[in-house]
Amino acid sequence: MMMMPVVLPMVVLMARRKRLTDNPNARKIQDRPVAVMGGTVIMLVICTSSIVINVFYDLSGSFPVMCVMMILYIFGMLDDNIGLTWQFKLLMQIFAILLLFFGGNYGVDSLYGLFGFENVPMWAACLLTLFAGLLLLNAVNFVDGIDGLASGLGVLAGVVMGYWNVRHGFTTQAILSFTIVGAMASFFVFNVFSERYKMYMGDSGSLVLGLFIFMMACPDSYYASVSSFLVDRYFVSFLVALLSAMIFDLFRVVIVRMLNGKTPFHPDRTHLHHAYVDAGMSHLLATIKIVLQNIAVLAVWYFTAALGMNVALQYLIVIAAGVVFIWMPYFCLDYLKTKRLSCYTKISNRCMRRSDSLEVLSRWVRGIIDGRRKQIVSHNIK
């Protein structure tokens, strides 16, 4: 995390010189070219942090993750700069997930008692791992549409999963969880508040973040001892709640696209964050709202788990909470925009006033970041 304030500004300046930028178009929100090498910065921070931590603690168990992360990063960079077809990207993701499953023993080997299923056979574990991996890799990519959203949700997932892994004795996963938290928190600050050194995560960054979230969601490998498999009977619903903003938005967008005769990867502006920005919210306000909605679903999971509910019933309640907190705001805004324009206008005005209030804080933080980073970069160049 301490490296990010020094590394990121220099990478931004290099990206601009080499024209490695994301340019405005009808679908995108920015009004000027923005550097799109966030994945490079995140990779540098994670790799360097892992090397330093390895001096004090053996992280050899994370070597397969680092190898797969490098593969995803390389293909992500190619997609950011020259563009790849969605079919090729899908095949690349499948290859990476299977490599992690067979080479690193990371996979979904149990449903933890959900609907009566606990340990599953290897073929079923392979299919479940493919489904979960593709879901998480693309869910992160889908929410990376406004400043701070993907990194903000990444920080939330990393903190909670880091605590979960510490609690259950998965030390390697815990260390990697808090490493990604540091990288995402620093990236969030520059991505949201800085103008001079603003950078987008890009596909390279979202794929790396998605891989780490997938890794954190695999507390035990398929080949681990059966005696340690039962981490918690509510673990599946816990993951759904923790990643609800990503998962539910992805399912809604994919369903709508397919009903309209489009591919699931067809770009459009039907995400929840697009609806919020169109309603007058700033990127920061929309990010805060979506993160809070995610926390609300997580709170529903906590209280229902604390009551000791039946596993299947508790899972269905969490699904219902995701529909209420993640799907309903989008459908309500869409309904008001098309059927009750006067109400939609009032909501938009309220959102713009709240966004203006946050802009005061943003300008103060922006002045600190851009001013201090300018001095640091100038000093390094000299």
Protein backbone atom coordinates (compact mmCIF):
# COMPACT_ATOMS: atom_id res chain seq x y z
CA MET A 1 0.00 0.00 0.00
CA MET A 2 2.89 2.36 0.75
CA MET A 3 4.25 1.79 -2.77
CA MET A 4 1.10 2.85 -4.60
CA PRO A 5 1.38 6.64 -4.06
CA VAL A 6 4.86 6.56 -5.65
CA VAL A 7 4.36 3.95 -8.38
CA LEU A 8 0.93 4.98 -9.70
CA PRO A 9 1.75 8.60 -10.73
CA MET A 10 4.82 7.49 -12.66
CA VAL A 11 2.87 4.76 -14.47
CA VAL A 12 0.14 7.28 -15.36
CA LEU A 13 2.66 9.66 -16.93
CA MET A 14 4.23 6.78 -18.88
CA ALA A 15 0.81 5.59 -20.10
CA ARG A 16 -0.03 9.05 -21.39
CA ARG A 17 3.26 9.34 -23.25
CA LYS A 18 2.66 5.94 -24.89
CA ARG A 19 -1.05 6.77 -25.46
CA LEU A 20 -2.19 3.73 -23.45
CA THR A 21 -5.47 5.42 -22.60
CA ASP A 22 -9.21 4.76 -22.57
CA ASN A 23 -10.87 7.27 -24.89
CA PRO A 24 -14.41 8.69 -24.54
CA ASN A 25 -17.31 7.32 -26.60
CA ALA A 26 -21.11 7.21 -26.47
CA ARG A 27 -21.20 4.40 -23.89
CA LYS A 28 -18.41 5.58 -21.58
CA ILE A 29 -18.78 8.17 -18.87
CA GLN A 30 -15.46 10.05 -18.99
CA ASP A 31 -15.04 13.15 -21.18
CA ARG A 32 -11.27 12.83 -21.76
CA PRO A 33 -8.65 10.09 -22.32
CA VAL A 34 -7.67 8.33 -19.08
CA ALA A 35 -4.68 6.02 -18.51
CA VAL A 36 -5.79 2.37 -18.40
CA MET A 37 -2.83 0.63 -16.74
CA GLY A 38 -4.32 0.07 -13.29
CA GLY A 39 -3.64 -3.65 -13.64
CA THR A 40 0.08 -2.94 -14.05
CA VAL A 41 0.22 -0.93 -10.85
CA ILE A 42 -1.81 -3.50 -8.91
CA MET A 43 0.43 -6.30 -10.18
CA LEU A 44 3.59 -4.44 -9.17
CA VAL A 45 2.27 -3.77 -5.67
CA ILE A 46 1.00 -7.33 -5.13
CA CYS A 47 4.18 -8.99 -6.40
CA THR A 48 6.50 -6.69 -4.45
CA SER A 49 4.43 -7.04 -1.27
CA SER A 50 4.40 -10.83 -1.63
CA ILE A 51 8.20 -10.93 -2.01
CA VAL A 52 8.65 -8.82 1.13
CA ILE A 53 6.12 -10.84 3.14
CA ASN A 54 7.74 -14.09 1.99
CA VAL A 55 10.86 -13.09 3.92
CA PHE A 56 8.89 -13.39 7.17
CA TYR A 57 6.28 -15.97 6.21
CA ASP A 58 6.35 -18.80 3.67
CA LEU A 59 4.03 -17.93 0.79
CA SER A 60 5.09 -20.80 -1.47
CA GLY A 61 1.50 -22.04 -1.42
CA SER A 62 0.45 -18.92 -3.33
CA PHE A 63 2.80 -19.61 -6.29
CA PRO A 64 0.03 -21.16 -8.48
CA VAL A 65 -2.15 -18.11 -7.82
CA MET A 66 0.66 -15.77 -8.88
CA CYS A 67 1.22 -17.74 -12.10
CA VAL A 68 -2.46 -17.69 -13.05
CA MET A 69 -2.65 -14.02 -12.07
CA MET A 70 0.21 -13.25 -14.47
CA ILE A 71 -1.58 -15.08 -17.31
CA LEU A 72 -4.79 -13.14 -16.71
CA TYR A 73 -2.86 -9.88 -16.43
CA ILE A 74 -1.11 -10.41 -19.78
CA PHE A 75 -4.34 -11.19 -21.63
CA GLY A 76 -6.06 -8.31 -19.83
CA MET A 77 -3.37 -5.91 -21.04
CA LEU A 78 -3.80 -7.19 -24.58
CA ASP A 79 -7.55 -6.59 -24.33
CA ASP A 80 -7.04 -3.09 -22.91
CA ASN A 81 -4.69 -2.05 -25.71
CA ILE A 82 -5.63 -3.97 -28.87
CA GLY A 83 -8.99 -5.55 -27.97
CA LEU A 84 -9.88 -9.24 -27.87
CA THR A 85 -13.09 -10.99 -28.86
CA TRP A 86 -15.37 -12.06 -26.03
CA GLN A 87 -15.08 -15.69 -27.20
CA PHE A 88 -11.29 -15.63 -26.86
CA LYS A 89 -11.50 -13.93 -23.44
CA LEU A 90 -13.95 -16.58 -22.26
CA LEU A 91 -11.62 -19.40 -23.35
CA MET A 92 -8.72 -17.67 -21.63
CA GLN A 93 -10.69 -17.42 -18.39
CA ILE A 94 -11.69 -21.10 -18.54
CA PHE A 95 -8.04 -22.09 -19.06
CA ALA A 96 -6.91 -19.96 -16.10
CA ILE A 97 -9.58 -21.36 -13.77
CA LEU A 98 -8.82 -24.98 -14.70
CA LEU A 99 -5.10 -24.32 -14.23
CA LEU A 100 -5.81 -23.00 -10.74
CA PHE A 101 -8.08 -25.96 -9.97
CA PHE A 102 -5.74 -28.74 -11.10
CA GLY A 103 -2.41 -27.00 -10.49
CA GLY A 104 -3.15 -25.09 -7.33
CA ASN A 105 -5.93 -27.19 -5.76
CA TYR A 106 -8.18 -24.14 -5.47
CA GLY A 107 -11.77 -25.03 -6.15
CA VAL A 108 -15.37 -25.38 -4.99
CA ASP A 109 -15.42 -28.85 -3.44
CA SER A 110 -18.38 -28.45 -1.10
CA LEU A 111 -21.76 -26.73 -0.78
CA TYR A 112 -21.45 -26.80 3.03
CA GLY A 113 -24.79 -28.49 3.62
CA LEU A 114 -26.84 -26.31 1.26
CA PHE A 115 -29.87 -28.36 0.07
CA GLY A 116 -28.26 -31.39 1.71
CA PHE A 117 -25.00 -31.29 -0.30
CA GLU A 118 -21.64 -31.24 1.45
CA ASN A 119 -18.56 -32.79 -0.22
CA VAL A 120 -19.04 -33.29 -3.95
CA PRO A 121 -17.17 -35.60 -6.39
CA MET A 122 -14.26 -34.28 -8.39
CA TRP A 123 -16.17 -33.86 -11.67
CA ALA A 124 -18.86 -31.83 -9.90
CA ALA A 125 -16.18 -29.79 -8.11
CA CYS A 126 -14.61 -29.00 -11.48
CA LEU A 127 -17.93 -27.78 -12.94
CA LEU A 128 -18.76 -25.75 -9.82
CA THR A 129 -15.29 -24.21 -9.89
CA LEU A 130 -15.70 -23.21 -13.54
CA PHE A 131 -19.09 -21.65 -12.82
CA ALA A 132 -17.88 -19.76 -9.74
CA GLY A 133 -14.66 -18.62 -11.41
CA LEU A 134 -16.33 -17.33 -14.56
CA LEU A 135 -19.01 -15.67 -12.46
CA LEU A 136 -16.55 -13.77 -10.26
CA LEU A 137 -14.08 -12.82 -13.01
CA ASN A 138 -16.85 -11.31 -15.12
CA ALA A 139 -18.78 -9.84 -12.18
CA VAL A 140 -15.79 -7.67 -11.24
CA ASN A 141 -15.34 -6.65 -14.87
CA PHE A 142 -19.02 -5.71 -15.14
CA VAL A 143 -19.00 -3.36 -12.12
CA ASP A 144 -15.82 -1.60 -13.28
CA GLY A 145 -17.82 1.14 -14.96
CA ILE A 146 -17.46 4.17 -12.70
CA ASP A 147 -14.65 5.55 -10.56
CA GLY A 148 -14.07 3.61 -7.36
CA LEU A 149 -16.81 0.99 -7.61
CA ALA A 150 -14.75 -2.12 -8.42
CA SER A 151 -11.95 -1.14 -6.04
CA GLY A 152 -14.42 -0.14 -3.31
CA LEU A 153 -16.22 -3.48 -3.49
CA GLY A 154 -12.80 -5.16 -3.65
CA VAL A 155 -11.78 -3.50 -0.38
CA LEU A 156 -15.02 -4.63 1.27
CA ALA A 157 -14.57 -8.22 0.07
CA GLY A 158 -10.89 -8.27 1.03
CA VAL A 159 -11.42 -6.98 4.57
CA VAL A 160 -14.27 -9.37 5.33
CA MET A 161 -12.60 -12.39 3.71
CA GLY A 162 -9.30 -11.55 5.37
CA TYR A 163 -10.99 -11.65 8.75
CA TRP A 164 -12.80 -14.87 7.79
CA ASN A 165 -9.56 -16.57 6.73
CA VAL A 166 -7.74 -15.46 9.89
CA ARG A 167 -10.57 -16.79 11.99
CA HIS A 168 -10.44 -20.21 10.33
CA GLY A 169 -6.67 -20.50 10.14
CA PHE A 170 -6.07 -20.00 6.41
CA THR A 171 -2.99 -17.84 6.86
CA THR A 172 -1.83 -17.66 3.23
CA GLN A 173 -5.27 -16.58 2.00
CA ALA A 174 -5.50 -14.03 4.82
CA ILE A 175 -2.16 -12.43 3.93
CA LEU A 176 -3.08 -12.25 0.25
CA SER A 177 -6.50 -10.83 1.18
CA PHE A 178 -5.02 -7.94 3.12
CA THR A 179 -2.41 -7.38 0.38
CA ILE A 180 -5.16 -6.84 -2.18
CA VAL A 181 -6.98 -4.59 0.31
CA GLY A 182 -3.94 -2.31 0.50
CA ALA A 183 -3.57 -2.19 -3.28
CA MET A 184 -7.30 -1.55 -3.86
CA ALA A 185 -7.59 1.10 -1.15
CA SER A 186 -4.69 3.10 -2.60
CA PHE A 187 -5.99 2.68 -6.14
CA PHE A 188 -9.44 3.83 -4.97
CA VAL A 189 -8.05 7.13 -3.67
CA PHE A 190 -6.28 7.98 -6.93
CA ASN A 191 -9.06 6.66 -9.15
CA VAL A 192 -11.79 8.65 -7.38
CA PHE A 193 -10.13 11.85 -6.20
CA SER A 194 -7.16 12.59 -8.45
CA GLU A 195 -7.41 14.41 -11.76
CA ARG A 196 -3.73 14.66 -12.59
CA TYR A 197 -3.03 10.97 -11.87
CA LYS A 198 -6.40 9.36 -12.55
CA MET A 199 -6.15 5.81 -13.87
CA TYR A 200 -8.66 3.14 -14.80
CA MET A 201 -8.35 -0.45 -13.66
CA GLY A 202 -8.97 -1.88 -17.11
CA ASP A 203 -9.53 -5.55 -17.90
CA SER A 204 -6.05 -6.38 -16.61
CA GLY A 205 -6.88 -4.97 -13.18
CA SER A 206 -10.43 -6.35 -13.00
CA LEU A 207 -9.24 -9.85 -13.94
CA VAL A 208 -6.53 -9.76 -11.25
CA LEU A 209 -9.05 -8.55 -8.67
CA GLY A 210 -11.59 -11.16 -9.78
CA LEU A 211 -8.98 -13.90 -9.45
CA PHE A 212 -8.14 -12.85 -5.90
CA ILE A 213 -11.80 -12.73 -4.91
CA PHE A 214 -12.22 -16.23 -6.35
CA MET A 215 -9.13 -17.41 -4.45
CA MET A 216 -10.46 -15.89 -1.22
CA ALA A 217 -13.77 -17.68 -1.79
CA CYS A 218 -11.99 -21.08 -1.81
CA PRO A 219 -11.09 -21.66 1.86
CA ASP A 220 -9.96 -25.23 1.25
CA SER A 221 -8.83 -27.22 -1.76
CA TYR A 222 -10.52 -30.29 -3.19
CA TYR A 223 -7.65 -32.47 -2.05
CA ALA A 224 -7.61 -31.18 1.53
CA SER A 225 -8.51 -33.46 4.42
CA VAL A 226 -12.20 -34.11 4.85
CA SER A 227 -11.97 -33.31 8.54
CA SER A 228 -11.40 -29.61 7.85
CA PHE A 229 -13.95 -29.08 5.08
CA LEU A 230 -16.81 -27.74 7.21
CA VAL A 231 -15.74 -24.13 7.67
CA ASP A 232 -19.28 -22.96 8.26
CA ARG A 233 -22.67 -24.25 7.12
CA TYR A 234 -23.67 -20.75 6.00
CA PHE A 235 -20.56 -20.22 3.88
CA VAL A 236 -22.30 -20.34 0.47
CA SER A 237 -24.90 -17.76 1.46
CA PHE A 238 -22.12 -15.71 3.06
CA LEU A 239 -20.28 -15.49 -0.27
CA VAL A 240 -23.49 -14.56 -2.11
CA ALA A 241 -24.15 -11.79 0.43
CA LEU A 242 -20.57 -10.52 0.44
CA LEU A 243 -20.43 -10.28 -3.37
CA SER A 244 -24.11 -9.44 -3.89
CA ALA A 245 -23.58 -6.09 -5.64
CA MET A 246 -21.40 -7.76 -8.27
CA ILE A 247 -23.34 -11.01 -8.64
CA PHE A 248 -26.90 -9.68 -8.77
CA ASP A 249 -26.04 -6.84 -11.14
CA LEU A 250 -24.32 -9.33 -13.45
CA PHE A 251 -27.28 -11.72 -13.50
CA ARG A 252 -29.78 -8.94 -14.17
CA VAL A 253 -27.70 -7.42 -16.98
CA VAL A 254 -27.01 -10.79 -18.63
CA ILE A 255 -30.69 -11.81 -18.45
CA VAL A 256 -31.83 -8.51 -19.99
CA ARG A 257 -29.24 -8.73 -22.77
CA MET A 258 -30.18 -12.30 -23.64
CA LEU A 259 -33.91 -11.46 -23.65
CA ASN A 260 -33.08 -8.69 -26.13
CA GLY A 261 -31.26 -11.15 -28.37
CA LYS A 262 -27.76 -9.93 -27.50
CA THR A 263 -24.72 -11.79 -26.16
CA PRO A 264 -24.06 -11.61 -22.39
CA PHE A 265 -20.91 -9.61 -23.14
CA HIS A 266 -22.56 -6.99 -25.36
CA PRO A 267 -21.62 -3.55 -23.93
CA ASP A 268 -24.45 -1.22 -22.93
CA ARG A 269 -25.57 1.15 -20.16
CA THR A 270 -27.95 -1.12 -18.22
CA HIS A 271 -25.85 -1.53 -15.08
CA LEU A 272 -27.02 -0.20 -11.71
CA HIS A 273 -24.15 2.28 -11.55
CA HIS A 274 -25.18 3.70 -14.94
CA ALA A 275 -28.72 4.21 -13.64
CA TYR A 276 -27.39 6.05 -10.59
CA VAL A 277 -25.10 8.31 -12.63
CA ASP A 278 -27.91 9.06 -15.11
CA ALA A 279 -30.09 10.03 -12.12
CA GLY A 280 -27.60 12.74 -11.15
CA MET A 281 -25.29 10.97 -8.73
CA SER A 282 -21.56 11.58 -8.86
CA HIS A 283 -19.30 8.56 -9.20
CA LEU A 284 -18.39 8.80 -5.52
CA LEU A 285 -22.01 8.98 -4.34
CA ALA A 286 -23.05 6.08 -6.59
CA THR A 287 -20.13 4.00 -5.30
CA ILE A 288 -20.97 4.74 -1.66
CA LYS A 289 -24.62 3.87 -2.23
CA ILE A 290 -23.87 0.55 -3.95
CA VAL A 291 -21.32 -0.44 -1.29
CA LEU A 292 -23.89 0.34 1.42
CA GLN A 293 -26.49 -1.76 -0.41
CA ASN A 294 -23.97 -4.62 -0.47
CA ILE A 295 -23.40 -4.18 3.28
CA ALA A 296 -27.17 -4.26 3.83
CA VAL A 297 -27.38 -7.70 2.17
CA LEU A 298 -24.42 -8.82 4.27
CA ALA A 299 -26.24 -7.62 7.39
CA VAL A 300 -29.28 -9.70 6.44
CA TRP A 301 -27.00 -12.72 6.15
CA TYR A 302 -25.46 -12.04 9.58
CA PHE A 303 -28.74 -11.70 11.45
CA THR A 304 -30.37 -14.71 9.78
CA ALA A 305 -27.26 -16.82 10.44
CA ALA A 306 -27.21 -15.66 14.06
CA LEU A 307 -30.77 -16.98 14.44
CA GLY A 308 -29.55 -20.46 13.42
CA MET A 309 -31.98 -20.81 10.54
CA ASN A 310 -32.21 -23.80 8.24
CA VAL A 311 -29.38 -23.52 5.69
CA ALA A 312 -31.63 -23.64 2.61
CA LEU A 313 -34.16 -21.17 4.05
CA GLN A 314 -31.41 -18.77 5.08
CA TYR A 315 -29.91 -18.97 1.57
CA LEU A 316 -33.27 -18.11 -0.02
CA ILE A 317 -33.67 -15.14 2.35
CA VAL A 318 -30.24 -13.84 1.31
CA ILE A 319 -31.25 -14.22 -2.36
CA ALA A 320 -34.43 -12.25 -1.64
CA ALA A 321 -32.38 -9.55 0.10
CA GLY A 322 -30.14 -9.30 -2.96
CA VAL A 323 -33.17 -8.85 -5.20
CA VAL A 324 -34.59 -6.13 -2.92
CA PHE A 325 -31.37 -4.18 -2.34
CA ILE A 326 -29.61 -4.65 -5.70
CA TRP A 327 -32.31 -5.23 -8.32
CA MET A 328 -35.20 -3.12 -7.06
CA PRO A 329 -33.39 0.28 -7.09
CA TYR A 330 -32.64 -0.17 -10.79
CA PHE A 331 -36.19 -1.19 -11.70
CA CYS A 332 -37.65 1.63 -9.58
CA LEU A 333 -35.48 4.26 -11.27
CA ASP A 334 -36.29 2.83 -14.70
CA TYR A 335 -40.03 2.88 -13.92
CA LEU A 336 -39.92 6.47 -12.63
CA LYS A 337 -37.88 7.60 -15.62
CA THR A 338 -40.42 6.21 -18.10
CA LYS A 339 -43.74 6.52 -16.20
CA ARG A 340 -43.30 9.18 -13.49
CA LEU A 341 -40.89 11.71 -14.94
CA SER A 342 -41.75 14.41 -12.36
CA CYS A 343 -40.78 12.08 -9.48
CA TYR A 344 -37.62 11.06 -11.33
CA THR A 345 -36.71 14.74 -11.77
CA LYS A 346 -37.12 15.37 -8.03
CA ILE A 347 -34.90 12.39 -7.21
CA SER A 348 -32.30 13.60 -9.73
CA ASN A 349 -32.23 17.06 -8.17
CA ARG A 350 -31.78 15.54 -4.72
CA CYS A 351 -28.96 13.31 -5.98
CA MET A 352 -27.20 16.28 -7.58
CA ARG A 353 -27.37 18.27 -4.33
CA ARG A 354 -25.87 15.39 -2.38
CA SER A 355 -23.20 14.96 -5.04
CA ASP A 356 -22.35 18.67 -4.77
CA SER A 357 -21.92 18.26 -1.00
CA LEU A 358 -19.49 15.39 -1.53
CA GLU A 359 -17.61 17.42 -4.13
CA VAL A 360 -16.39 19.74 -1.37
CA LEU A 361 -14.63 16.79 0.26
CA SER A 362 -13.42 15.54 -3.12
CA ARG A 363 -11.80 18.87 -3.98
CA TRP A 364 -9.98 18.94 -0.63
CA VAL A 365 -8.63 15.41 -1.05
CA ARG A 366 -7.79 16.09 -4.71
CA GLY A 367 -5.71 19.10 -3.76
CA ILE A 368 -3.71 17.05 -1.27
CA ILE A 369 -3.13 14.12 -3.63
CA ASP A 370 -2.31 16.01 -6.81
CA GLY A 371 -0.15 18.56 -5.02
CA ARG A 372 1.93 16.06 -3.04
CA ARG A 373 2.20 13.56 -5.88
CA LYS A 374 3.48 16.31 -8.16
CA GLN A 375 6.32 16.98 -5.74
CA ILE A 376 7.18 13.27 -5.36
CA VAL A 377 7.20 12.61 -9.13
CA SER A 378 9.29 15.71 -9.81
CA HIS A 379 11.77 14.61 -7.14
CA ASN A 380 12.03 11.09 -8.60
CA ILE A 381 12.58 12.43 -12.12
CA LYS A 382 15.43 14.64 -10.88
